[in-house]
C-alpha cells in the first residue's frame, strides 16, 4: 500500500519540480540572452540562435519528465484494485 502512495507522490512532485525547474531555467536563459543583446547589439542574432537552442534543450527535459510520469501513471492501480488490497490486508 505504501508503494502506491510513494508512486503517486513521486509522479506529483516530479511533475511539479520539472515544471518549476524548466520555467526557472528558461526565464534565466532569456534574461541572460536579453542582457547580452543589450550589451552587444551587433551579436544579437548569434545570441538569439544560441538562446533558442538552449530553450529547446530545457523544454525537452521537461517533456521527458512528462513522458515518464505518463508511464508511471499507467502503473498506478485503479480504485477497485486498491480496495481489494486494503481488504486483504
N, C-alpha and C. Protein backbone atom coordinates (compact mmCIF):
# COMPACT_ATOMS: atom_id res chain seq x y z
N UNK A 1 0.82 -1.19 0.00
CA UNK A 1 0.00 0.00 0.00
C UNK A 1 0.87 1.26 0.00
N UNK A 2 1.97 1.22 0.77
CA UNK A 2 2.87 2.37 0.82
C UNK A 2 3.56 2.59 -0.51
N UNK A 3 3.75 1.52 -1.26
CA UNK A 3 4.38 1.66 -2.57
C UNK A 3 3.50 2.48 -3.50
N UNK A 4 2.20 2.30 -3.41
CA UNK A 4 1.28 3.07 -4.24
C UNK A 4 1.33 4.54 -3.87
N UNK A 5 1.32 4.82 -2.57
CA UNK A 5 1.40 6.21 -2.11
C UNK A 5 2.71 6.84 -2.57
N UNK A 6 3.81 6.11 -2.45
CA UNK A 6 5.11 6.63 -2.89
C UNK A 6 5.12 6.89 -4.39
N UNK A 7 4.50 6.00 -5.16
CA UNK A 7 4.46 6.18 -6.61
C UNK A 7 3.66 7.42 -6.99
N UNK A 8 2.51 7.61 -6.37
CA UNK A 8 1.68 8.78 -6.68
C UNK A 8 2.39 10.07 -6.27
N UNK A 9 3.02 10.07 -5.10
CA UNK A 9 3.75 11.26 -4.67
C UNK A 9 4.94 11.56 -5.58
N UNK A 10 5.61 10.52 -6.03
CA UNK A 10 6.72 10.70 -6.95
C UNK A 10 6.27 11.34 -8.26
N UNK A 11 5.15 10.87 -8.77
CA UNK A 11 4.62 11.45 -10.01
C UNK A 11 4.27 12.92 -9.80
N UNK A 12 3.56 13.21 -8.72
CA UNK A 12 3.14 14.59 -8.45
C UNK A 12 4.30 15.54 -8.24
N UNK A 13 5.23 15.14 -7.37
CA UNK A 13 6.38 16.00 -7.10
C UNK A 13 7.30 16.09 -8.31
N UNK A 14 7.45 15.01 -9.04
CA UNK A 14 8.30 15.04 -10.23
C UNK A 14 7.81 16.03 -11.26
N UNK A 15 6.50 16.01 -11.52
CA UNK A 15 5.94 16.96 -12.48
C UNK A 15 6.05 18.39 -11.97
N UNK A 16 5.81 18.58 -10.68
CA UNK A 16 5.88 19.92 -10.11
C UNK A 16 7.29 20.48 -10.20
N UNK A 17 8.27 19.70 -9.79
CA UNK A 17 9.65 20.17 -9.82
C UNK A 17 10.15 20.36 -11.25
N UNK A 18 9.73 19.50 -12.16
CA UNK A 18 10.15 19.65 -13.55
C UNK A 18 9.58 20.93 -14.16
N UNK A 19 8.31 21.18 -13.90
CA UNK A 19 7.70 22.40 -14.44
C UNK A 19 8.34 23.64 -13.82
N UNK A 20 8.55 23.61 -12.51
CA UNK A 20 9.16 24.76 -11.84
C UNK A 20 10.60 24.97 -12.30
N UNK A 21 11.36 23.89 -12.37
CA UNK A 21 12.75 23.99 -12.79
C UNK A 21 12.88 24.43 -14.24
N UNK A 22 12.01 23.91 -15.10
CA UNK A 22 12.03 24.31 -16.50
C UNK A 22 11.69 25.78 -16.68
N UNK A 23 10.68 26.24 -15.95
CA UNK A 23 10.30 27.66 -16.05
C UNK A 23 11.40 28.55 -15.51
N UNK A 24 12.01 28.15 -14.40
CA UNK A 24 13.10 28.94 -13.83
C UNK A 24 14.30 28.97 -14.77
N UNK A 25 14.65 27.83 -15.34
CA UNK A 25 15.78 27.78 -16.27
C UNK A 25 15.53 28.60 -17.52
N UNK A 26 14.33 28.52 -18.05
CA UNK A 26 14.02 29.29 -19.26
C UNK A 26 14.02 30.79 -18.97
N UNK A 27 13.49 31.18 -17.83
CA UNK A 27 13.46 32.61 -17.52
C UNK A 27 14.88 33.16 -17.33
N UNK A 28 15.75 32.38 -16.69
CA UNK A 28 17.13 32.84 -16.51
C UNK A 28 17.87 32.89 -17.85
N UNK A 29 17.60 31.92 -18.72
CA UNK A 29 18.27 31.90 -20.02
C UNK A 29 17.83 33.10 -20.87
N UNK A 30 16.56 33.39 -20.86
CA UNK A 30 16.05 34.53 -21.64
C UNK A 30 16.59 35.84 -21.07
N UNK A 31 16.62 35.94 -19.74
CA UNK A 31 17.14 37.14 -19.11
C UNK A 31 18.60 37.38 -19.48
N UNK A 32 19.39 36.32 -19.42
CA UNK A 32 20.82 36.46 -19.76
C UNK A 32 20.99 36.80 -21.24
N UNK A 33 20.18 36.20 -22.10
CA UNK A 33 20.28 36.49 -23.54
C UNK A 33 19.91 37.94 -23.83
N UNK A 34 18.86 38.42 -23.21
CA UNK A 34 18.46 39.81 -23.44
C UNK A 34 19.50 40.79 -22.90
N UNK A 35 20.11 40.43 -21.78
CA UNK A 35 21.17 41.27 -21.24
C UNK A 35 22.38 41.29 -22.18
N UNK A 36 22.71 40.14 -22.74
CA UNK A 36 23.81 40.08 -23.69
C UNK A 36 23.52 40.85 -24.96
N UNK A 37 22.27 40.79 -25.42
CA UNK A 37 21.89 41.56 -26.62
C UNK A 37 21.93 43.05 -26.35
N UNK A 38 21.58 43.45 -25.13
CA UNK A 38 21.62 44.88 -24.80
C UNK A 38 23.06 45.38 -24.74
N UNK A 39 23.97 44.52 -24.29
CA UNK A 39 25.37 44.95 -24.19
C UNK A 39 26.07 44.94 -25.54
N UNK A 40 25.72 43.97 -26.37
CA UNK A 40 26.35 43.86 -27.69
C UNK A 40 25.27 43.66 -28.76
N UNK A 41 24.65 44.73 -29.21
CA UNK A 41 23.57 44.60 -30.19
C UNK A 41 24.01 43.98 -31.52
N UNK A 42 25.27 44.11 -31.86
CA UNK A 42 25.74 43.58 -33.14
C UNK A 42 25.76 42.04 -33.14
N UNK A 43 25.79 41.42 -31.98
CA UNK A 43 25.81 39.95 -31.93
C UNK A 43 24.45 39.38 -31.50
N UNK A 44 23.40 40.16 -31.67
CA UNK A 44 22.07 39.74 -31.23
C UNK A 44 21.59 38.49 -31.98
N UNK A 45 21.92 38.36 -33.23
CA UNK A 45 21.49 37.18 -34.00
C UNK A 45 22.10 35.89 -33.49
N UNK A 46 23.40 35.94 -33.18
CA UNK A 46 24.08 34.75 -32.65
C UNK A 46 23.57 34.41 -31.25
N UNK A 47 23.34 35.42 -30.44
CA UNK A 47 22.84 35.18 -29.08
C UNK A 47 21.43 34.59 -29.14
N UNK A 48 20.61 35.13 -30.05
CA UNK A 48 19.24 34.64 -30.18
C UNK A 48 19.23 33.18 -30.63
N UNK A 49 20.08 32.82 -31.55
CA UNK A 49 20.15 31.43 -32.02
C UNK A 49 20.56 30.49 -30.89
N UNK A 50 21.58 30.89 -30.14
CA UNK A 50 22.02 30.07 -29.01
C UNK A 50 20.94 29.97 -27.94
N UNK A 51 20.20 31.06 -27.73
CA UNK A 51 19.13 31.05 -26.73
C UNK A 51 18.02 30.10 -27.13
N UNK A 52 17.63 30.10 -28.38
CA UNK A 52 16.56 29.24 -28.85
C UNK A 52 16.96 27.77 -28.74
N UNK A 53 18.20 27.45 -29.08
CA UNK A 53 18.68 26.07 -28.94
C UNK A 53 18.68 25.66 -27.47
N UNK A 54 19.15 26.54 -26.60
CA UNK A 54 19.15 26.24 -25.17
C UNK A 54 17.75 26.05 -24.62
N UNK A 55 16.82 26.89 -25.05
CA UNK A 55 15.43 26.75 -24.60
C UNK A 55 14.82 25.44 -25.08
N UNK A 56 15.19 25.01 -26.27
CA UNK A 56 14.69 23.74 -26.78
C UNK A 56 15.20 22.57 -25.93
N UNK A 57 16.46 22.64 -25.51
CA UNK A 57 17.01 21.58 -24.64
C UNK A 57 16.31 21.57 -23.29
N UNK A 58 16.08 22.74 -22.71
CA UNK A 58 15.40 22.82 -21.42
C UNK A 58 13.99 22.27 -21.53
N UNK A 59 13.29 22.65 -22.58
CA UNK A 59 11.91 22.18 -22.78
C UNK A 59 11.87 20.68 -23.03
N UNK A 60 12.87 20.14 -23.71
CA UNK A 60 12.88 18.70 -23.97
C UNK A 60 13.03 17.92 -22.67
N UNK A 61 13.80 18.43 -21.73
CA UNK A 61 13.92 17.76 -20.44
C UNK A 61 12.59 17.71 -19.71
N UNK A 62 11.83 18.80 -19.76
CA UNK A 62 10.51 18.83 -19.12
C UNK A 62 9.58 17.85 -19.82
N UNK A 63 9.65 17.75 -21.12
CA UNK A 63 8.80 16.80 -21.85
C UNK A 63 9.18 15.37 -21.51
N UNK A 64 10.47 15.09 -21.32
CA UNK A 64 10.89 13.74 -20.91
C UNK A 64 10.28 13.37 -19.55
N UNK A 65 10.27 14.31 -18.63
CA UNK A 65 9.67 14.05 -17.32
C UNK A 65 8.18 13.79 -17.46
N UNK A 66 7.51 14.52 -18.34
CA UNK A 66 6.09 14.31 -18.57
C UNK A 66 5.83 12.91 -19.13
N UNK A 67 6.65 12.47 -20.06
CA UNK A 67 6.50 11.13 -20.63
C UNK A 67 6.72 10.07 -19.56
N UNK A 68 7.74 10.25 -18.73
CA UNK A 68 8.00 9.29 -17.65
C UNK A 68 6.83 9.27 -16.66
N UNK A 69 6.26 10.44 -16.38
CA UNK A 69 5.11 10.49 -15.48
C UNK A 69 3.93 9.74 -16.08
N UNK A 70 3.69 9.88 -17.37
CA UNK A 70 2.60 9.13 -18.00
C UNK A 70 2.85 7.63 -17.92
N UNK A 71 4.10 7.22 -18.09
CA UNK A 71 4.42 5.80 -17.95
C UNK A 71 4.17 5.31 -16.53
N UNK A 72 4.53 6.12 -15.54
CA UNK A 72 4.31 5.72 -14.15
C UNK A 72 2.83 5.73 -13.78
N UNK A 73 2.07 6.64 -14.35
CA UNK A 73 0.63 6.68 -14.07
C UNK A 73 -0.03 5.39 -14.53
N UNK A 74 0.49 4.80 -15.58
CA UNK A 74 -0.03 3.51 -16.05
C UNK A 74 0.21 2.40 -15.05
N UNK A 75 1.16 2.57 -14.13
CA UNK A 75 1.45 1.56 -13.12
C UNK A 75 0.58 1.71 -11.87
N UNK A 76 -0.09 2.85 -11.71
CA UNK A 76 -0.92 3.07 -10.53
C UNK A 76 -2.20 2.25 -10.68
N UNK A 77 -2.53 1.44 -9.67
CA UNK A 77 -3.76 0.64 -9.76
C UNK A 77 -4.99 1.53 -9.63
N UNK A 78 -6.11 1.02 -10.15
CA UNK A 78 -7.35 1.78 -10.03
C UNK A 78 -7.95 1.60 -8.64
N UNK A 79 -9.06 2.25 -8.37
CA UNK A 79 -9.64 2.27 -7.03
C UNK A 79 -10.08 0.87 -6.60
N UNK A 80 -10.64 0.09 -7.50
CA UNK A 80 -11.09 -1.27 -7.15
C UNK A 80 -9.91 -2.14 -6.70
N UNK A 81 -8.81 -2.03 -7.39
CA UNK A 81 -7.63 -2.81 -7.01
C UNK A 81 -7.08 -2.36 -5.66
N UNK A 82 -7.11 -1.08 -5.39
CA UNK A 82 -6.64 -0.57 -4.11
C UNK A 82 -7.54 -1.07 -2.98
N UNK A 83 -8.85 -1.04 -3.21
CA UNK A 83 -9.79 -1.53 -2.18
C UNK A 83 -9.59 -3.01 -1.92
N UNK A 84 -9.33 -3.79 -2.95
CA UNK A 84 -9.08 -5.22 -2.76
C UNK A 84 -7.82 -5.45 -1.96
N UNK A 85 -6.78 -4.67 -2.22
CA UNK A 85 -5.54 -4.81 -1.44
C UNK A 85 -5.75 -4.41 0.01
N UNK A 86 -6.58 -3.39 0.23
CA UNK A 86 -6.85 -2.95 1.61
C UNK A 86 -7.64 -4.00 2.38
N UNK A 87 -8.57 -4.67 1.72
CA UNK A 87 -9.38 -5.69 2.38
C UNK A 87 -8.53 -6.90 2.71
N UNK A 88 -7.65 -7.29 1.80
CA UNK A 88 -6.79 -8.44 2.02
C UNK A 88 -5.81 -8.19 3.16
N UNK A 89 -5.45 -6.94 3.37
CA UNK A 89 -4.55 -6.60 4.48
C UNK A 89 -3.17 -6.61 4.05
